[in-house]
Amino acid sequence: MDKTLVVTNDFPPRPGGIQAFLHNMALRLDPSGIVVYASTWKRGQEGAEATARFDAEQPFPVVRDRTTMLLPTPRVTRRAADLLREHGCTSVWFGAAAPLGLMAPALRRAGARRLVGTTHGHEAGWAQLPASRQLLRRIGEGTDTLTYLGEYTRSRIASALTDEAAARMVQLPPGVDEKTFHPGSGGDEVRARLGLADRPVVVCVSRLVPRKGQDTLILAMPRILAAVPDAVLLIVGGGPYEDDLRKLAAETGVAGAVRFTGAVPWEELPAHYGAGDVFAMPCRTRRGGLDVEGLGIVYLEASATGLPVVAGDSGGAPDAVLEGETGYVVKGGSPAQAADRIVTLLRDPELRARMGARGRQWVEEKWRWDLLAERLKELL
């Protein structure tokens, strides 16, 4: 039987979108056919215990390296090669092509016949800098296939590759569990618990960092409240930007209309999406294009929940929206544009319902995990 060695830094219980992507894909492969080689999430007893509990629950073996960040060093490469031979693996899947894909030639010499590297948003940043651009080119030459999220990331990554490597790229975006994210996922209970039962709710589910655009939503709230006085912005998630966002809400005079939930357990996220009438995350590109949205799985999770979405124009975020059908794309960092689209949706229940239904249909047609996992199986 062909077996795959998954080499990754991005694996639960470490939180994040890439981690969820890798885990969901791995769960849909034959568990007897994969071995995961991953970094350690957190040092210390609490992190070790959480990791051990998680690993014990998986249907496949998870081998943890002692380091919190796998790099393509000689030691890590030897360990990966040893695992490849020990478990009889014939293919390798790099959870993030950069930088782990630099190990590809050594793993091919160790017996791997297929090497696949998944790219996300950061590889598009690598393609812009001379030194990392050369490393990305080497990764493309050493692997059989690099996957990409959408056209934005494909075009930028391909510019750093040889023509032959660029021609071998295949789209493999993250998917959505349509059975978990669906209309009626428990939003009414969340609204009741937060005292929002009768208020129009704009929900944003994301890590709190400047790129995601929660600050743009807060700055849009005066315009939104002028048109829809009882509207409320529900910011779901934790992150280093939270204190700044709270201060901004107070300075803008809208603190009473902005609710912060803090970090929410994964199993409660569908209900928090469902608590909204409109989903909005007007993400923007920062640091000269190095800090960019790769795709924005949150828009698709919101669509699966039956919400219209308002997305920013950063990177591949527009790939997750059918403009005018499932929602709107606005200029990242523009409170005026975000407010305009949000007000349009809040004032028109029929439009919200139509866009939400179309979004749900689109997810079922194109973005289900099962469909995308079949693509990965073919690549491996």
Protein backbone atom coordinates (compact mmCIF):
# COMPACT_ATOMS: atom_id res chain seq x y z
CA MET A 1 0.00 0.00 0.00
CA ASP A 2 1.27 3.50 -0.86
CA LYS A 3 1.81 5.66 2.22
CA THR A 4 2.32 9.41 2.59
CA LEU A 5 4.57 11.27 5.01
CA VAL A 6 3.04 14.65 5.92
CA VAL A 7 5.74 17.13 6.97
CA THR A 8 4.33 20.26 8.56
CA ASN A 9 4.60 23.00 11.16
CA ASP A 10 0.90 23.71 10.76
CA PHE A 11 -1.02 21.06 12.64
CA PRO A 12 -3.45 21.17 15.57
CA PRO A 13 -3.66 21.71 18.43
CA ARG A 14 -1.77 24.77 17.18
CA PRO A 15 -4.71 27.02 16.14
CA GLY A 16 -5.15 28.63 12.75
CA GLY A 17 -6.65 28.33 9.30
CA ILE A 18 -3.71 26.47 7.72
CA GLN A 19 -3.75 24.03 10.63
CA ALA A 20 -7.45 23.35 10.09
CA PHE A 21 -6.79 22.90 6.36
CA LEU A 22 -4.08 20.29 6.92
CA HIS A 23 -6.05 18.43 9.57
CA ASN A 24 -9.27 18.29 7.58
CA MET A 25 -7.43 16.99 4.54
CA ALA A 26 -5.52 14.41 6.58
CA LEU A 27 -8.72 13.11 8.14
CA ARG A 28 -10.11 12.41 4.68
CA LEU A 29 -7.15 10.33 3.59
CA ASP A 30 -6.90 6.62 4.42
CA PRO A 31 -5.64 6.70 8.05
CA SER A 32 -3.56 3.57 7.47
CA GLY A 33 -1.81 5.36 4.62
CA ILE A 34 -0.40 8.49 6.32
CA VAL A 35 2.14 9.45 8.97
CA VAL A 36 2.39 13.03 10.21
CA TYR A 37 5.75 14.55 11.17
CA ALA A 38 5.04 17.87 12.90
CA SER A 39 6.65 20.41 15.17
CA THR A 40 5.74 20.75 18.84
CA TRP A 41 3.02 23.28 19.53
CA LYS A 42 4.04 24.73 22.90
CA ARG A 43 6.83 24.04 25.32
CA GLY A 44 5.91 23.30 28.93
CA GLN A 45 3.62 20.83 30.62
CA GLU A 46 0.31 22.39 29.57
CA GLY A 47 1.27 22.47 25.88
CA ALA A 48 2.70 18.96 26.04
CA GLU A 49 -0.45 17.59 27.64
CA ALA A 50 -2.76 19.28 25.11
CA THR A 51 -0.64 17.99 22.24
CA ALA A 52 -0.51 14.46 23.65
CA ARG A 53 -4.30 14.39 24.07
CA PHE A 54 -4.84 15.60 20.53
CA ASP A 55 -2.35 13.19 18.99
CA ALA A 56 -3.86 10.23 20.85
CA GLU A 57 -7.27 10.98 19.32
CA GLN A 58 -6.02 10.88 15.70
CA PRO A 59 -6.65 7.83 13.52
CA PHE A 60 -3.08 8.02 12.18
CA PRO A 61 0.34 8.29 13.86
CA VAL A 62 1.64 11.77 14.65
CA VAL A 63 5.36 12.09 15.32
CA ARG A 64 6.36 15.33 17.05
CA ASP A 65 9.76 16.91 16.68
CA ARG A 66 11.29 18.49 19.78
CA THR A 67 11.41 21.91 18.13
CA THR A 68 8.47 24.32 17.89
CA MET A 69 9.40 25.17 14.30
CA LEU A 70 10.56 22.63 11.74
CA LEU A 71 13.18 24.04 9.38
CA PRO A 72 14.95 22.18 6.56
CA THR A 73 18.11 21.66 8.63
CA PRO A 74 20.29 18.54 8.23
CA ARG A 75 18.89 17.10 11.47
CA VAL A 76 15.23 17.60 10.54
CA THR A 77 15.87 16.32 7.02
CA ARG A 78 17.53 13.16 8.39
CA ARG A 79 14.60 12.63 10.75
CA ALA A 80 12.09 13.00 7.94
CA ALA A 81 14.08 10.58 5.76
CA ASP A 82 14.25 8.07 8.62
CA LEU A 83 10.47 8.28 9.09
CA LEU A 84 9.93 7.88 5.35
CA ARG A 85 11.94 4.63 5.33
CA GLU A 86 10.64 3.37 8.68
CA HIS A 87 7.00 3.63 7.64
CA GLY A 88 7.51 2.66 4.01
CA CYS A 89 6.19 5.97 2.65
CA THR A 90 6.37 6.53 -1.10
CA SER A 91 5.03 10.11 -1.20
CA VAL A 92 5.56 13.28 0.80
CA TRP A 93 3.14 16.15 1.38
CA PHE A 94 4.71 19.37 2.67
CA GLY A 95 1.97 21.19 4.59
CA ALA A 96 3.59 24.49 3.64
CA ALA A 97 5.94 24.36 0.67
CA ALA A 98 8.15 27.17 1.98
CA PRO A 99 10.55 26.44 3.53
CA LEU A 100 9.99 22.71 4.16
CA GLY A 101 9.97 21.88 0.45
CA LEU A 102 13.72 22.51 0.40
CA MET A 103 14.01 18.98 1.83
CA ALA A 104 12.47 17.49 -1.32
CA PRO A 105 15.69 16.35 -3.08
CA ALA A 106 16.94 14.56 0.05
CA LEU A 107 13.59 12.83 0.58
CA ARG A 108 13.50 11.78 -3.06
CA ARG A 109 16.92 10.18 -2.58
CA ALA A 110 15.50 8.44 0.51
CA GLY A 111 12.81 6.79 -1.61
CA ALA A 112 9.94 9.23 -2.11
CA ARG A 113 8.44 8.93 -5.59
CA ARG A 114 5.90 11.81 -5.31
CA LEU A 115 6.49 15.11 -3.53
CA VAL A 116 3.68 17.66 -3.23
CA GLY A 117 4.01 21.08 -1.60
CA THR A 118 1.01 23.15 -0.55
CA THR A 119 1.36 26.91 -0.85
CA HIS A 120 -0.59 29.49 1.13
CA GLY A 121 -0.37 33.27 1.30
CA HIS A 122 3.21 33.62 2.55
CA GLU A 123 4.78 32.00 -0.51
CA ALA A 124 3.35 34.86 -2.59
CA GLY A 125 5.38 37.15 -0.33
CA TRP A 126 8.47 34.99 -0.81
CA ALA A 127 8.13 35.49 -4.57
CA GLN A 128 8.68 39.25 -4.16
CA LEU A 129 12.09 39.16 -2.43
CA PRO A 130 15.23 38.16 -4.35
CA ALA A 131 16.71 35.69 -1.82
CA SER A 132 13.47 33.92 -0.93
CA ARG A 133 12.42 34.00 -4.59
CA GLN A 134 15.44 31.82 -5.42
CA LEU A 135 14.56 29.41 -2.61
CA LEU A 136 10.99 29.19 -3.92
CA ARG A 137 12.38 28.37 -7.36
CA ARG A 138 14.41 25.51 -5.85
CA ILE A 139 11.30 24.21 -4.09
CA GLY A 140 9.41 24.21 -7.37
CA GLU A 141 12.19 22.28 -9.07
CA GLY A 142 12.46 19.73 -6.26
CA THR A 143 8.76 18.87 -5.94
CA ASP A 144 6.45 17.21 -8.44
CA THR A 145 3.57 19.62 -7.80
CA LEU A 146 2.99 22.87 -5.95
CA THR A 147 -0.63 23.58 -5.11
CA TYR A 148 -2.15 27.05 -4.92
CA LEU A 149 -5.20 28.59 -3.27
CA GLY A 150 -6.46 30.80 -6.10
CA GLU A 151 -5.42 32.88 -9.07
CA TYR A 152 -3.83 35.65 -6.99
CA THR A 153 -1.38 33.35 -5.24
CA ARG A 154 -0.82 31.22 -8.37
CA SER A 155 0.24 34.14 -10.52
CA ARG A 156 2.69 35.51 -7.97
CA ILE A 157 4.23 32.18 -7.00
CA ALA A 158 4.48 31.08 -10.65
CA SER A 159 6.50 34.21 -11.44
CA ALA A 160 9.32 32.82 -9.27
CA LEU A 161 9.28 29.31 -10.77
CA THR A 162 10.66 27.81 -13.93
CA ASP A 163 8.09 27.57 -16.72
CA GLU A 164 8.02 23.80 -16.29
CA ALA A 165 7.38 23.98 -12.53
CA ALA A 166 4.72 26.67 -13.00
CA ALA A 167 2.93 24.46 -15.52
CA ARG A 168 2.74 21.68 -12.90
CA MET A 169 0.87 23.81 -10.34
CA VAL A 170 -2.58 22.57 -9.33
CA GLN A 171 -5.30 24.40 -7.40
CA LEU A 172 -6.00 22.97 -3.96
CA PRO A 173 -7.84 25.46 -1.73
CA PRO A 174 -9.12 24.73 1.76
CA GLY A 175 -12.64 23.42 2.01
CA VAL A 176 -15.68 23.83 4.20
CA ASP A 177 -17.44 21.20 6.26
CA GLU A 178 -20.95 21.92 5.05
CA LYS A 179 -22.40 19.62 7.72
CA THR A 180 -20.84 21.72 10.48
CA PHE A 181 -21.37 25.17 8.97
CA HIS A 182 -24.99 25.46 7.94
CA PRO A 183 -28.07 27.65 8.47
CA GLY A 184 -29.59 26.91 11.85
CA SER A 185 -26.20 26.23 13.46
CA GLY A 186 -27.17 27.76 16.82
CA GLY A 187 -26.98 31.46 16.14
CA ASP A 188 -30.20 32.26 18.00
CA GLU A 189 -28.73 30.90 21.23
CA VAL A 190 -25.60 33.02 20.85
CA ARG A 191 -27.66 36.12 20.10
CA ALA A 192 -29.82 35.52 23.15
CA ARG A 193 -26.81 34.94 25.40
CA LEU A 194 -25.21 38.19 24.23
CA GLY A 195 -28.44 40.18 24.45
CA LEU A 196 -28.61 40.73 20.69
CA ALA A 197 -31.84 38.89 19.94
CA ASP A 198 -33.62 41.72 18.10
CA ARG A 199 -30.63 43.69 16.78
CA PRO A 200 -29.15 43.63 13.26
CA VAL A 201 -25.76 41.95 13.70
CA VAL A 202 -22.63 42.37 11.57
CA VAL A 203 -20.32 39.50 12.52
CA CYS A 204 -16.60 39.17 11.89
CA VAL A 205 -14.91 35.87 12.75
CA SER A 206 -11.13 36.01 12.57
CA ARG A 207 -7.87 36.35 14.42
CA LEU A 208 -7.43 39.92 15.64
CA VAL A 209 -4.52 41.26 13.60
CA PRO A 210 -4.32 44.48 11.54
CA ARG A 211 -4.58 42.77 8.13
CA LYS A 212 -8.05 41.37 8.83
CA GLY A 213 -9.74 44.78 8.94
CA GLN A 214 -11.68 44.76 12.20
CA ASP A 215 -10.48 48.34 12.65
CA THR A 216 -12.08 49.27 9.32
CA LEU A 217 -15.39 47.87 10.56
CA ILE A 218 -15.17 49.87 13.78
CA LEU A 219 -14.47 53.04 11.79
CA ALA A 220 -17.44 52.19 9.57
CA MET A 221 -19.83 51.88 12.50
CA PRO A 222 -20.78 55.60 12.78
CA ARG A 223 -22.02 55.50 9.16
CA ILE A 224 -23.75 52.16 9.74
CA LEU A 225 -25.45 53.39 12.92
CA ALA A 226 -26.63 56.55 11.18
CA ALA A 227 -28.59 54.35 8.77
CA VAL A 228 -29.37 51.39 11.06
CA PRO A 229 -29.35 52.79 14.62
CA ASP A 230 -29.69 49.47 16.48
CA ALA A 231 -26.96 47.64 14.53
CA VAL A 232 -24.16 45.93 16.44
CA LEU A 233 -20.73 44.70 15.38
CA LEU A 234 -19.85 41.29 16.82
CA ILE A 235 -16.09 40.66 16.71
CA VAL A 236 -15.33 36.98 17.26
CA GLY A 237 -11.79 35.82 17.95
CA GLY A 238 -8.68 36.66 19.90
CA GLY A 239 -5.32 38.08 18.97
CA PRO A 240 -2.69 40.73 19.65
CA TYR A 241 -4.75 43.56 18.13
CA GLU A 242 -7.62 43.31 20.63
CA ASP A 243 -6.53 46.10 22.98
CA ASP A 244 -6.02 48.49 20.08
CA LEU A 245 -9.44 47.62 18.67
CA ARG A 246 -11.16 48.23 22.01
CA LYS A 247 -9.45 51.63 22.29
CA LEU A 248 -10.46 52.47 18.74
CA ALA A 249 -14.10 51.62 19.47
CA ALA A 250 -14.05 53.92 22.49
CA GLU A 251 -12.31 56.74 20.61
CA THR A 252 -14.76 56.42 17.71
CA GLY A 253 -17.70 56.59 20.13
CA VAL A 254 -19.18 53.24 19.14
CA ALA A 255 -18.04 51.04 22.04
CA GLY A 256 -21.68 50.43 22.99
CA ALA A 257 -22.35 48.95 19.56
CA VAL A 258 -19.27 46.70 19.38
CA ARG A 259 -19.04 43.36 21.19
CA PHE A 260 -15.86 41.33 21.60
CA THR A 261 -16.20 37.64 22.37
CA GLY A 262 -12.51 36.84 22.70
CA ALA A 263 -11.24 33.49 21.49
CA VAL A 264 -14.06 30.98 20.90
CA PRO A 265 -13.67 27.17 20.89
CA TRP A 266 -13.75 25.73 17.39
CA GLU A 267 -16.95 23.77 18.04
CA GLU A 268 -18.77 27.03 18.89
CA LEU A 269 -17.72 28.91 15.74
CA PRO A 270 -20.64 27.78 13.54
CA ALA A 271 -23.12 29.20 16.05
CA HIS A 272 -21.21 32.49 16.17
CA TYR A 273 -21.36 32.80 12.39
CA GLY A 274 -25.07 32.05 12.64
CA ALA A 275 -25.52 34.90 15.11
CA GLY A 276 -24.91 37.39 12.31
CA ASP A 277 -27.14 38.87 9.65
CA VAL A 278 -24.12 39.90 7.56
CA PHE A 279 -20.55 38.61 7.66
CA ALA A 280 -17.84 41.22 7.06
CA MET A 281 -14.03 41.08 7.07
CA PRO A 282 -12.63 43.91 4.90
CA CYS A 283 -9.04 42.60 4.88
CA ARG A 284 -6.23 44.68 3.38
CA THR A 285 -2.71 44.01 2.13
CA ARG A 286 0.10 45.34 4.29
CA ARG A 287 3.90 45.60 4.34
CA GLY A 288 4.25 46.18 0.64
CA GLY A 289 2.47 42.98 -0.27
CA LEU A 290 4.25 40.71 2.22
CA ASP A 291 1.25 40.55 4.58
CA VAL A 292 -1.60 39.40 2.36
CA GLU A 293 -4.75 37.28 2.55
CA GLY A 294 -4.20 33.97 0.80
CA LEU A 295 -7.89 33.13 0.36
CA GLY A 296 -10.11 33.75 3.38
CA ILE A 297 -11.86 30.52 4.34
CA VAL A 298 -14.04 32.52 6.75
CA TYR A 299 -16.02 33.93 3.81
CA LEU A 300 -16.87 30.42 2.67
CA GLU A 301 -17.77 29.27 6.17
CA ALA A 302 -20.09 32.28 6.42
CA SER A 303 -21.60 31.43 3.02
CA ALA A 304 -22.16 27.85 4.14
CA THR A 305 -24.00 29.25 7.16
CA GLY A 306 -26.27 31.19 4.83
CA LEU A 307 -24.87 34.71 5.32
CA PRO A 308 -24.04 37.30 2.67
CA VAL A 309 -20.41 38.39 2.94
CA VAL A 310 -18.47 41.62 2.61
CA ALA A 311 -14.81 40.90 1.85
CA GLY A 312 -11.70 43.03 1.43
CA ASP A 313 -9.67 43.05 -1.76
CA SER A 314 -6.47 41.69 -0.22
CA GLY A 315 -4.74 38.94 -2.18
CA GLY A 316 -6.97 35.96 -2.88
CA ALA A 317 -9.90 37.05 -0.71
CA PRO A 318 -12.03 37.93 -3.79
CA ASP A 319 -11.69 34.28 -4.92
CA ALA A 320 -13.95 33.33 -2.01
CA VAL A 321 -16.79 35.63 -3.12
CA LEU A 322 -19.04 35.66 -6.16
CA GLU A 323 -19.39 39.42 -6.56
CA GLY A 324 -23.01 40.48 -6.45
CA GLU A 325 -24.16 36.86 -5.93
CA THR A 326 -22.79 35.70 -2.56
CA GLY A 327 -21.67 39.12 -1.37
CA TYR A 328 -19.44 42.07 -2.19
CA VAL A 329 -15.74 42.89 -2.35
CA VAL A 330 -14.71 46.31 -1.06
CA LYS A 331 -11.41 48.16 -0.93
CA GLY A 332 -9.53 46.95 2.14
CA GLY A 333 -9.11 49.80 4.60
CA SER A 334 -12.10 51.79 3.32
CA PRO A 335 -14.68 52.35 6.10
CA ALA A 336 -16.94 54.20 3.64
CA GLN A 337 -17.12 51.31 1.15
CA ALA A 338 -17.57 48.74 3.91
CA ALA A 339 -20.36 50.78 5.50
CA ASP A 340 -22.13 51.28 2.17
CA ARG A 341 -22.31 47.56 1.40
CA ILE A 342 -23.18 46.56 4.95
CA VAL A 343 -26.01 49.11 5.14
CA THR A 344 -27.36 47.89 1.79
CA LEU A 345 -27.52 44.35 3.15
CA LEU A 346 -28.89 45.22 6.58
CA ARG A 347 -31.75 47.20 4.99
CA ASP A 348 -32.75 44.44 2.55
CA PRO A 349 -33.77 41.10 4.11
CA GLU A 350 -34.67 39.67 0.71
CA LEU A 351 -31.22 40.46 -0.70
CA ARG A 352 -29.55 38.90 2.35
CA ALA A 353 -31.60 35.74 1.98
CA ARG A 354 -30.89 35.47 -1.74
CA MET A 355 -27.15 35.96 -1.34
CA GLY A 356 -27.01 33.61 1.63
CA ALA A 357 -28.80 30.87 -0.30
CA ARG A 358 -26.51 31.32 -3.31
CA GLY A 359 -23.46 31.17 -1.07
CA ARG A 360 -24.64 27.93 0.50
CA GLN A 361 -25.25 26.45 -2.95
CA TRP A 362 -21.76 27.51 -4.15
CA VAL A 363 -20.06 25.88 -1.15
CA GLU A 364 -21.90 22.62 -1.78
CA GLU A 365 -20.94 22.70 -5.46
CA LYS A 366 -17.26 23.65 -5.21
CA TRP A 367 -15.84 23.94 -1.72
CA ARG A 368 -16.72 20.75 0.17
CA TRP A 369 -13.79 19.03 1.88
CA ASP A 370 -14.67 15.66 0.35
CA LEU A 371 -14.31 17.03 -3.19
CA LEU A 372 -10.98 18.67 -2.47
CA ALA A 373 -9.58 15.66 -0.61
CA GLU A 374 -10.14 13.57 -3.73
CA ARG A 375 -7.95 16.03 -5.63
CA LEU A 376 -5.20 15.66 -3.04
CA LYS A 377 -5.38 11.85 -3.24
CA GLU A 378 -4.83 12.07 -6.99
CA LEU A 379 -1.81 14.34 -6.53
CA LEU A 380 -0.22 11.98 -4.00
